[in-house]
């Protein structure tokens, strides 16, 4: 621990002791109520700390794929976890994707495929794909529409992943439809 960190720790301990002492001596008659109020404030503080720590995950759930979209380009910032997330319309349904330059094409989770109106029970898993979790079965499909901002494509080939996948993947076959620019913390797609 550095000298600055040690001084900060000592300051915080002294400050905490002063606050606790003031509360104790100022509220000796109603100490039980004071302890109850302190516990409530401690829970609020812990909730704020937890929300701050989970903000990246919460932001992706609240505003997934928050890309800047214009008529000529899609500007996708890196999320706090370093990945690039974007919401793409699949058959008219918004689906959250992670851009994966290691994936060959569009790979949908079974849940996302079902949301997009694909009958996952009727799929035949004849292919295989290598993922970080090992080899998984895949079913080939054609997506009626794929909409990314102002860009619209029809009859786009894709795979439905039969194994566990947390988020759908936007791979290189689809990205090759764009002029792709990678910069520090951004991916820009243009047509």
Protein backbone atom coordinates (compact mmCIF):
# COMPACT_ATOMS: atom_id res chain seq x y z
CA UNK A 1 0.00 0.00 0.00
CA UNK A 2 1.42 3.41 -0.95
CA UNK A 3 1.73 6.35 1.45
CA UNK A 4 -1.21 8.13 -0.22
CA UNK A 5 -3.41 5.07 0.15
CA UNK A 6 -2.40 4.68 3.81
CA UNK A 7 -3.25 8.33 4.52
CA UNK A 8 -6.60 7.95 2.75
CA UNK A 9 -7.39 4.83 4.80
CA UNK A 10 -6.49 6.59 8.06
CA UNK A 11 -8.62 9.60 7.07
CA UNK A 12 -11.61 7.37 6.31
CA UNK A 13 -11.27 5.51 9.63
CA UNK A 14 -11.07 8.79 11.57
CA UNK A 15 -14.06 10.18 9.66
CA UNK A 16 -16.07 7.02 10.31
CA UNK A 17 -15.18 7.14 14.03
CA UNK A 18 -16.27 10.79 14.21
CA UNK A 19 -19.60 10.08 12.51
CA UNK A 20 -20.31 7.01 14.66
CA UNK A 21 -19.32 8.91 17.83
CA UNK A 22 -21.52 11.87 16.96
CA UNK A 23 -24.47 9.57 16.24
CA UNK A 24 -23.95 7.65 19.48
CA UNK A 25 -23.63 10.65 21.77
CA UNK A 26 -26.33 12.63 19.99
CA UNK A 27 -28.90 9.83 20.04
CA UNK A 28 -28.33 7.88 23.26
CA UNK A 29 -32.02 7.96 24.17
CA UNK A 30 -33.19 6.54 20.81
CA UNK A 31 -30.19 4.36 19.96
CA UNK A 32 -32.31 1.50 18.54
CA UNK A 33 -33.99 3.81 16.02
CA UNK A 34 -30.63 5.32 15.07
CA UNK A 35 -29.15 1.87 14.42
CA UNK A 36 -32.18 1.00 12.29
CA UNK A 37 -31.75 4.18 10.22
CA UNK A 38 -28.02 3.51 9.84
CA UNK A 39 -28.79 0.01 8.57
CA UNK A 40 -31.21 1.44 6.00
CA UNK A 41 -28.61 3.94 4.78
CA UNK A 42 -25.97 1.21 4.65
CA UNK A 43 -28.27 -0.90 2.45
CA UNK A 44 -28.90 2.09 0.17
CA UNK A 45 -25.13 2.68 -0.06
CA UNK A 46 -24.47 -0.99 -0.86
CA UNK A 47 -27.22 -0.90 -3.51
CA UNK A 48 -25.61 2.12 -5.17
CA UNK A 49 -22.19 0.44 -5.10
CA UNK A 50 -23.64 -2.77 -6.60
CA UNK A 51 -25.48 -0.84 -9.32
CA UNK A 52 -22.28 1.05 -10.18
CA UNK A 53 -20.34 -2.23 -10.38
CA UNK A 54 -22.98 -3.78 -12.62
CA UNK A 55 -23.57 -0.66 -14.73
CA UNK A 56 -22.06 -2.14 -17.91
CA UNK A 57 -24.38 -5.14 -17.77
CA UNK A 58 -27.37 -3.00 -16.79
CA UNK A 59 -26.69 -0.52 -19.59
CA UNK A 60 -26.62 -3.33 -22.16
CA UNK A 61 -30.00 -4.52 -20.88
CA UNK A 62 -31.55 -1.04 -20.70
CA UNK A 63 -30.02 0.43 -23.89
CA UNK A 64 -28.52 -2.53 -25.76
CA UNK A 65 -26.44 -1.85 -28.83
CA UNK A 66 -26.38 1.92 -28.34
CA UNK A 67 -24.81 2.68 -31.71
CA UNK A 68 -24.87 6.03 -33.49
CA UNK A 69 -26.70 5.42 -36.75
CA UNK A 70 -26.85 7.80 -39.71
CA UNK A 71 -28.01 7.32 -43.31
CA UNK A 72 -24.48 6.37 -44.42
CA UNK A 73 -22.86 4.65 -41.43
CA UNK A 74 -23.26 2.79 -38.16
CA UNK A 75 -20.81 3.84 -35.44
CA UNK A 76 -20.59 1.21 -32.69
CA UNK A 77 -18.69 2.08 -29.50
CA UNK A 78 -16.98 -0.59 -27.41
CA UNK A 79 -18.88 -1.47 -24.27
CA UNK A 80 -17.22 -1.47 -20.87
CA UNK A 81 -16.37 -5.17 -21.28
CA UNK A 82 -14.48 -4.38 -24.52
CA UNK A 83 -17.00 -6.04 -26.84
CA UNK A 84 -19.01 -4.34 -29.57
CA UNK A 85 -22.77 -4.77 -29.15
CA UNK A 86 -25.36 -3.68 -31.69
CA UNK A 87 -29.09 -4.22 -32.04
CA UNK A 88 -30.05 -5.61 -35.45
CA UNK A 89 -33.58 -6.13 -36.76
CA UNK A 90 -34.06 -9.80 -37.66
CA UNK A 91 -37.36 -10.41 -39.47
CA UNK A 92 -38.57 -7.15 -37.89
CA UNK A 93 -37.55 -8.10 -34.33
CA UNK A 94 -34.73 -6.24 -32.54
CA UNK A 95 -32.01 -8.70 -31.49
CA UNK A 96 -28.86 -7.84 -29.53
CA UNK A 97 -25.66 -9.05 -31.24
CA UNK A 98 -22.00 -8.98 -30.36
CA UNK A 99 -19.70 -8.33 -33.31
CA UNK A 100 -17.45 -11.39 -33.53
CA UNK A 101 -14.70 -11.27 -36.15
CA UNK A 102 -13.94 -14.90 -35.30
CA UNK A 103 -17.42 -15.99 -36.38
CA UNK A 104 -17.97 -16.74 -40.04
CA UNK A 105 -21.58 -15.59 -40.35
CA UNK A 106 -24.64 -14.63 -38.39
CA UNK A 107 -25.20 -17.05 -35.52
CA UNK A 108 -28.43 -16.77 -33.55
CA UNK A 109 -29.19 -18.27 -30.18
CA UNK A 110 -32.27 -20.49 -30.14
CA UNK A 111 -34.04 -17.92 -27.95
CA UNK A 112 -33.30 -15.07 -30.38
CA UNK A 113 -34.31 -17.22 -33.35
CA UNK A 114 -37.66 -17.96 -31.69
CA UNK A 115 -38.15 -14.22 -30.98
CA UNK A 116 -37.53 -13.54 -34.68
CA UNK A 117 -40.30 -15.95 -35.66
CA UNK A 118 -38.17 -18.98 -36.60
CA UNK A 119 -39.72 -22.31 -35.66
CA UNK A 120 -36.80 -23.72 -33.67
CA UNK A 121 -38.60 -27.01 -33.01
CA UNK A 122 -38.63 -27.74 -36.76
CA UNK A 123 -34.91 -27.08 -37.28
CA UNK A 124 -32.56 -29.87 -38.32
CA UNK A 125 -29.11 -29.46 -36.80
CA UNK A 126 -26.84 -30.93 -39.50
CA UNK A 127 -23.85 -28.60 -39.16
CA UNK A 128 -21.25 -27.99 -36.48
CA UNK A 129 -19.48 -24.91 -35.25
CA UNK A 130 -16.45 -24.49 -33.02
CA UNK A 131 -17.12 -22.09 -30.13
CA UNK A 132 -15.27 -21.13 -26.98
CA UNK A 133 -17.39 -23.80 -25.23
CA UNK A 134 -16.49 -26.50 -27.76
CA UNK A 135 -18.22 -27.91 -30.81
CA UNK A 136 -21.96 -27.17 -31.04
CA UNK A 137 -24.61 -28.31 -33.54
CA UNK A 138 -25.96 -25.73 -35.99
CA UNK A 139 -28.98 -25.44 -38.27
CA UNK A 140 -28.79 -23.36 -41.44
CA UNK A 141 -31.57 -20.87 -42.19
CA UNK A 142 -32.22 -17.84 -44.38
CA UNK A 143 -33.38 -14.73 -42.58
CA UNK A 144 -36.16 -12.90 -44.41
CA UNK A 145 -34.84 -9.48 -43.43
CA UNK A 146 -31.79 -8.10 -41.64
CA UNK A 147 -31.95 -4.38 -40.77
CA UNK A 148 -29.01 -2.48 -39.34
CA UNK A 149 -29.88 1.18 -39.12
CA UNK A 150 -30.73 2.40 -42.63
CA UNK A 151 -29.26 -0.73 -44.27
CA UNK A 152 -31.67 -3.50 -45.27
CA UNK A 153 -30.82 -6.98 -46.56
CA UNK A 154 -33.10 -9.84 -47.59
CA UNK A 155 -32.68 -13.60 -47.59
CA UNK A 156 -29.48 -13.52 -45.53
CA UNK A 157 -27.92 -16.89 -44.62
CA UNK A 158 -27.50 -17.58 -40.90
CA UNK A 159 -27.01 -20.38 -38.40
CA UNK A 160 -29.01 -21.25 -35.33
CA UNK A 161 -26.74 -22.52 -32.57
CA UNK A 162 -27.97 -25.71 -30.92
CA UNK A 163 -25.66 -25.33 -27.92
CA UNK A 164 -25.41 -22.74 -25.19
CA UNK A 165 -24.69 -19.23 -26.40
CA UNK A 166 -25.31 -16.11 -24.30
CA UNK A 167 -25.71 -13.63 -27.15
CA UNK A 168 -26.15 -13.87 -30.91
CA UNK A 169 -23.06 -13.27 -33.06
CA UNK A 170 -22.60 -10.97 -36.05
CA UNK A 171 -19.76 -12.53 -38.04
CA UNK A 172 -17.57 -11.77 -41.02
CA UNK A 173 -19.84 -12.97 -43.85
CA UNK A 174 -22.37 -10.34 -42.88
CA UNK A 175 -19.78 -7.68 -42.02
CA UNK A 176 -18.20 -8.11 -45.48
CA UNK A 177 -21.26 -6.30 -46.87
CA UNK A 178 -19.81 -3.12 -45.34
CA UNK A 179 -16.64 -1.10 -45.40
CA UNK A 180 -15.47 -1.84 -41.85
CA UNK A 181 -13.16 0.50 -39.95
CA UNK A 182 -11.76 -0.53 -36.59
CA UNK A 183 -10.42 2.25 -34.42
CA UNK A 184 -9.60 2.38 -30.76
CA UNK A 185 -12.90 1.72 -29.02
CA UNK A 186 -15.10 1.93 -32.16
CA UNK A 187 -16.23 0.00 -35.17
CA UNK A 188 -17.69 1.99 -38.06
CA UNK A 189 -19.71 0.24 -40.78
CA UNK A 190 -20.34 2.08 -44.08
CA UNK A 191 -21.98 1.21 -47.40
